[in-house]
Amino acid sequence: MHWLGAALLALISFGIWGLFTKLTIAYIDSKSALIYQTAGVMLIGFITLSLLDFKPATDIKGISFGVLTGIAYGVGCLFYFIAADKGKIITVVTLTALYPLVTILLSYLLLKETVSLKQCSGIVLALVAIYLMS
């Protein structure tokens, strides 16, 4: 699959995820919602594992970063559910959708990746967008 197709499917999936979040917490508390979401993620994980013939990569650094990725995702999801429970989903989704700004900053500081003037303009526009949406 081409990266653009995968990115568009991720975009749609995350959009549906945002809607399902609000529907979920209309019926159960945010911590329970995280548990059931995790069960859904595990289901996708098992399906993916079967596509690898149950032989995932075993590099220790890759495994470590993978586990840290899962921890960061789980913590983020917990606070996302709490925020969605207490705030308007439109504002919560818009604000949390700015997470790439954190990645950009960390990539710049830790990985020494460069940020172009065009990308800086995009960052400023993203910040303006969150102001306008709030």
Protein backbone atom coordinates (compact mmCIF):
# COMPACT_ATOMS: atom_id res chain seq x y z
CA MET A 1 0.00 0.00 0.00
CA HIS A 2 1.24 3.49 -0.86
CA TRP A 3 1.87 5.82 2.10
CA LEU A 4 -0.84 8.27 1.01
CA GLY A 5 -3.54 5.61 0.92
CA ALA A 6 -2.48 4.37 4.35
CA ALA A 7 -2.42 7.93 5.71
CA LEU A 8 -5.92 8.63 4.37
CA LEU A 9 -7.26 5.42 5.90
CA ALA A 10 -5.61 6.40 9.21
CA LEU A 11 -7.23 9.83 8.96
CA ILE A 12 -10.68 8.31 8.45
CA SER A 13 -10.11 5.76 11.21
CA PHE A 14 -8.98 8.41 13.70
CA GLY A 15 -11.97 10.56 12.77
CA ILE A 16 -14.33 7.67 13.49
CA TRP A 17 -12.37 6.98 16.70
CA GLY A 18 -13.06 10.53 17.86
CA LEU A 19 -16.79 10.08 17.31
CA PHE A 20 -16.87 6.66 18.98
CA THR A 21 -15.07 8.17 21.99
CA LYS A 22 -17.95 10.53 22.70
CA LEU A 23 -20.52 7.79 22.09
CA THR A 24 -18.66 5.44 24.44
CA ILE A 25 -18.41 7.87 27.34
CA ALA A 26 -22.09 8.67 27.00
CA TYR A 27 -22.69 5.18 28.43
CA ILE A 28 -19.61 4.28 30.51
CA ASP A 29 -16.91 6.12 32.46
CA SER A 30 -13.65 7.20 30.82
CA LYS A 31 -11.44 4.62 32.57
CA SER A 32 -13.72 1.75 31.53
CA ALA A 33 -13.75 3.20 28.01
CA LEU A 34 -9.95 2.93 27.94
CA ILE A 35 -10.13 -0.74 28.92
CA TYR A 36 -12.57 -1.57 26.12
CA GLN A 37 -10.61 0.48 23.60
CA THR A 38 -7.49 -1.46 24.60
CA ALA A 39 -9.37 -4.70 23.94
CA GLY A 40 -10.13 -3.39 20.44
CA VAL A 41 -6.47 -2.50 19.88
CA MET A 42 -5.47 -5.96 21.08
CA LEU A 43 -7.86 -7.52 18.57
CA ILE A 44 -6.14 -5.60 15.75
CA GLY A 45 -2.77 -6.61 17.24
CA PHE A 46 -3.69 -10.30 17.15
CA ILE A 47 -4.92 -9.98 13.56
CA THR A 48 -1.65 -8.28 12.59
CA LEU A 49 0.33 -10.94 14.47
CA SER A 50 -1.41 -13.62 12.45
CA LEU A 51 -0.44 -11.78 9.25
CA LEU A 52 3.20 -12.13 10.40
CA ASP A 53 2.69 -15.86 10.96
CA PHE A 54 3.14 -15.14 14.67
CA LYS A 55 6.83 -14.26 14.13
CA PRO A 56 7.27 -10.57 15.01
CA ALA A 57 10.68 -8.87 14.85
CA THR A 58 12.80 -9.36 17.97
CA ASP A 59 15.33 -6.51 18.04
CA ILE A 60 15.50 -5.40 21.70
CA LYS A 61 15.67 -1.67 20.90
CA GLY A 62 12.72 -1.97 18.54
CA ILE A 63 10.74 -3.93 21.14
CA SER A 64 11.61 -1.36 23.83
CA PHE A 65 10.53 1.58 21.71
CA GLY A 66 7.41 -0.32 20.66
CA VAL A 67 6.44 -0.88 24.29
CA LEU A 68 7.16 2.78 25.11
CA THR A 69 4.99 3.75 22.13
CA GLY A 70 2.16 1.68 23.57
CA ILE A 71 2.58 3.21 27.02
CA ALA A 72 2.55 6.75 25.60
CA TYR A 73 -0.52 5.89 23.51
CA GLY A 74 -2.33 4.36 26.49
CA VAL A 75 -1.62 7.35 28.74
CA GLY A 76 -2.68 9.73 25.96
CA CYS A 77 -5.88 7.79 25.39
CA LEU A 78 -6.74 7.81 29.09
CA PHE A 79 -6.43 11.58 29.28
CA TYR A 80 -8.21 11.93 25.92
CA PHE A 81 -11.21 10.01 27.28
CA ILE A 82 -11.20 12.13 30.45
CA ALA A 83 -11.05 15.34 28.40
CA ALA A 84 -13.78 14.12 26.05
CA ASP A 85 -15.96 13.27 29.03
CA LYS A 86 -15.61 16.75 30.51
CA GLY A 87 -15.36 18.91 27.39
CA LYS A 88 -16.85 19.41 23.97
CA ILE A 89 -15.59 16.72 21.60
CA ILE A 90 -15.05 19.29 18.83
CA THR A 91 -12.59 21.24 20.96
CA VAL A 92 -10.94 18.17 22.51
CA VAL A 93 -10.35 16.52 19.12
CA THR A 94 -9.00 19.74 17.62
CA LEU A 95 -6.60 20.38 20.48
CA THR A 96 -5.32 16.81 20.71
CA ALA A 97 -4.94 16.68 16.92
CA LEU A 98 -2.05 19.09 17.40
CA TYR A 99 0.07 16.27 18.85
CA PRO A 100 2.38 16.44 15.78
CA LEU A 101 3.65 19.75 17.17
CA VAL A 102 5.06 17.83 20.16
CA THR A 103 6.62 15.29 17.79
CA ILE A 104 8.12 18.07 15.66
CA LEU A 105 9.61 19.79 18.71
CA LEU A 106 11.05 16.54 20.09
CA SER A 107 12.38 15.54 16.66
CA TYR A 108 14.06 18.93 16.33
CA LEU A 109 15.60 18.78 19.83
CA LEU A 110 16.48 15.09 20.11
CA LEU A 111 16.89 13.83 16.54
CA LYS A 112 18.32 17.10 15.17
CA GLU A 113 15.78 17.13 12.32
CA THR A 114 15.37 20.47 10.57
CA VAL A 115 12.16 22.46 10.38
CA SER A 116 11.72 24.53 7.23
CA LEU A 117 10.16 27.98 7.03
CA LYS A 118 7.18 26.41 5.25
CA GLN A 119 6.75 23.93 8.11
CA CYS A 120 7.06 26.73 10.68
CA SER A 121 4.27 28.54 8.85
CA GLY A 122 2.15 25.40 9.11
CA ILE A 123 2.81 25.25 12.85
CA VAL A 124 1.71 28.85 13.28
CA LEU A 125 -1.45 28.19 11.24
CA ALA A 126 -2.19 25.11 13.37
CA LEU A 127 -1.94 27.22 16.51
CA VAL A 128 -4.25 29.83 14.96
CA ALA A 129 -6.68 27.04 14.08
CA ILE A 130 -6.85 25.80 17.67
CA TYR A 131 -7.47 29.35 18.84
CA LEU A 132 -10.30 29.76 16.32
CA MET A 133 -11.83 26.38 17.22
CA SER A 134 -11.81 26.99 20.98
